[in-house]
Structures are given as C-alpha cells and as structure tokens.
Amino acid sequence: MKKVADEEIQLLVDSLHLNEKDILDKFTLTLDGEALSEEEAVRFIQFLRSELSIPVDDETGSKLRCYH
C-alpha cells in the first residue's frame, strides 16, 4: 500500500505546474479520510508549490513562481 501512496503523491507533485482548477479536477485531497474544502485544497497546493519552488502554468502559458 505504501507504494501506491508514493505513486499518488508523485502524480500530485508532477501536476503542481497545472493551475489549481486542473489539479482539483484530477485529485481529491483528504486529511484523516475527510475531503478538504476547495479553499483548503488550494491553500495546500500553494503551500506545496512554495515549499518545492514549483513553477505554475497560468492560462497565458507564462511561468509564475511561488516563494515563501
């Protein structure tokens, strides 16, 4: 089971360059078995991007970078 979780986490990390809507369409983010609200999920995505310094593709295709 750990391997599946690792694969799912890697898929999420590999998708962090997408906009939030696309990520939320692909994934259901949960904590202790409860789905995060859209606001919580977006904040978590932004946190991950910040921590990992992931560039983001917006609608125009320009690269944005999140810093903390």
C-alpha atoms as a PDB file:
ATOM      1  CA  MET A   1       0.000   0.000   0.000  1.00  0.00           C
ATOM      2  CA  LYS A   2       2.877   2.398   0.700  1.00  0.00           C
ATOM      3  CA  LYS A   3       3.958   2.096  -2.931  1.00  0.00           C
ATOM      4  CA  VAL A   4       0.505   3.173  -4.169  1.00  0.00           C
ATOM      5  CA  ALA A   5       0.528   6.191  -1.856  1.00  0.00           C
ATOM      6  CA  ASP A   6       4.012   7.095  -3.056  1.00  0.00           C
ATOM      7  CA  GLU A   7       2.854   6.878  -6.685  1.00  0.00           C
ATOM      8  CA  GLU A   8      -0.194   9.056  -5.956  1.00  0.00           C
ATOM      9  CA  ILE A   9       1.969  11.628  -4.177  1.00  0.00           C
ATOM     10  CA  GLN A  10       4.408  11.659  -7.084  1.00  0.00           C
ATOM     11  CA  LEU A  11       1.499  12.199  -9.508  1.00  0.00           C
ATOM     12  CA  LEU A  12       0.361  15.169  -7.408  1.00  0.00           C
ATOM     13  CA  VAL A  13       3.862  16.653  -7.270  1.00  0.00           C
ATOM     14  CA  ASP A  14       4.233  16.152 -11.030  1.00  0.00           C
ATOM     15  CA  SER A  15       0.934  18.040 -11.526  1.00  0.00           C
ATOM     16  CA  LEU A  16       1.793  21.088  -9.404  1.00  0.00           C
ATOM     17  CA  HIS A  17       2.686  23.104 -12.512  1.00  0.00           C
ATOM     18  CA  LEU A  18      -1.008  22.990 -13.516  1.00  0.00           C
ATOM     19  CA  ASN A  19      -3.476  25.621 -12.358  1.00  0.00           C
ATOM     20  CA  GLU A  20      -5.459  24.870  -9.200  1.00  0.00           C
ATOM     21  CA  LYS A  21      -8.678  24.014 -11.065  1.00  0.00           C
ATOM     22  CA  ASP A  22      -6.936  21.374 -13.158  1.00  0.00           C
ATOM     23  CA  ILE A  23      -5.297  19.860 -10.085  1.00  0.00           C
ATOM     24  CA  LEU A  24      -8.607  19.785  -8.200  1.00  0.00           C
ATOM     25  CA  ASP A  25     -10.243  18.116 -11.219  1.00  0.00           C
ATOM     26  CA  LYS A  26      -7.573  15.368 -11.107  1.00  0.00           C
ATOM     27  CA  PHE A  27      -7.265  14.838  -7.340  1.00  0.00           C
ATOM     28  CA  THR A  28      -9.363  14.707  -4.199  1.00  0.00           C
ATOM     29  CA  LEU A  29      -7.184  15.907  -1.331  1.00  0.00           C
ATOM     30  CA  THR A  30      -8.075  14.440   2.051  1.00  0.00           C
ATOM     31  CA  LEU A  31      -6.924  14.703   5.645  1.00  0.00           C
ATOM     32  CA  ASP A  32      -7.747  11.876   8.041  1.00  0.00           C
ATOM     33  CA  GLY A  33     -10.212  10.496   5.485  1.00  0.00           C
ATOM     34  CA  GLU A  34     -12.128  13.783   5.124  1.00  0.00           C
ATOM     35  CA  ALA A  35     -12.031  15.687   1.835  1.00  0.00           C
ATOM     36  CA  LEU A  36     -10.522  19.167   2.079  1.00  0.00           C
ATOM     37  CA  SER A  37     -12.729  22.073   1.108  1.00  0.00           C
ATOM     38  CA  GLU A  38     -11.795  23.797  -2.148  1.00  0.00           C
ATOM     39  CA  GLU A  39     -10.243  26.674  -0.178  1.00  0.00           C
ATOM     40  CA  GLU A  40      -8.212  24.289   1.998  1.00  0.00           C
ATOM     41  CA  ALA A  41      -7.087  22.286  -1.038  1.00  0.00           C
ATOM     42  CA  VAL A  42      -5.956  25.428  -2.884  1.00  0.00           C
ATOM     43  CA  ARG A  43      -4.005  26.603   0.173  1.00  0.00           C
ATOM     44  CA  PHE A  44      -2.362  23.172   0.431  1.00  0.00           C
ATOM     45  CA  ILE A  45      -1.430  23.247  -3.272  1.00  0.00           C
ATOM     46  CA  GLN A  46       0.046  26.726  -2.820  1.00  0.00           C
ATOM     47  CA  PHE A  47       1.976  25.527   0.233  1.00  0.00           C
ATOM     48  CA  LEU A  48       3.435  22.598  -1.723  1.00  0.00           C
ATOM     49  CA  ARG A  49       4.442  24.870  -4.587  1.00  0.00           C
ATOM     50  CA  SER A  50       6.064  27.283  -2.187  1.00  0.00           C
ATOM     51  CA  GLU A  51       7.999  24.577  -0.368  1.00  0.00           C
ATOM     52  CA  LEU A  52       9.099  22.889  -3.590  1.00  0.00           C
ATOM     53  CA  SER A  53       9.543  26.104  -5.649  1.00  0.00           C
ATOM     54  CA  ILE A  54       7.344  24.705  -8.424  1.00  0.00           C
ATOM     55  CA  PRO A  55       6.675  26.969 -11.442  1.00  0.00           C
ATOM     56  CA  VAL A  56       2.983  27.331 -12.349  1.00  0.00           C
ATOM     57  CA  ASP A  57       1.443  27.492 -15.825  1.00  0.00           C
ATOM     58  CA  ASP A  58      -1.349  30.032 -15.889  1.00  0.00           C
ATOM     59  CA  GLU A  59      -3.912  30.412 -18.700  1.00  0.00           C
ATOM     60  CA  THR A  60      -1.499  32.525 -20.748  1.00  0.00           C
ATOM     61  CA  GLY A  61       1.258  29.941 -20.527  1.00  0.00           C
ATOM     62  CA  SER A  62       3.576  32.269 -18.633  1.00  0.00           C
ATOM     63  CA  LYS A  63       5.573  30.846 -15.768  1.00  0.00           C
ATOM     64  CA  LEU A  64       4.807  32.018 -12.252  1.00  0.00           C
ATOM     65  CA  ARG A  65       6.904  31.144  -9.254  1.00  0.00           C
ATOM     66  CA  CYS A  66       5.757  30.948  -5.665  1.00  0.00           C
ATOM     67  CA  TYR A  67       8.161  31.941  -2.929  1.00  0.00           C
ATOM     68  CA  HIS A  68       7.817  31.802   0.842  1.00  0.00           C
END
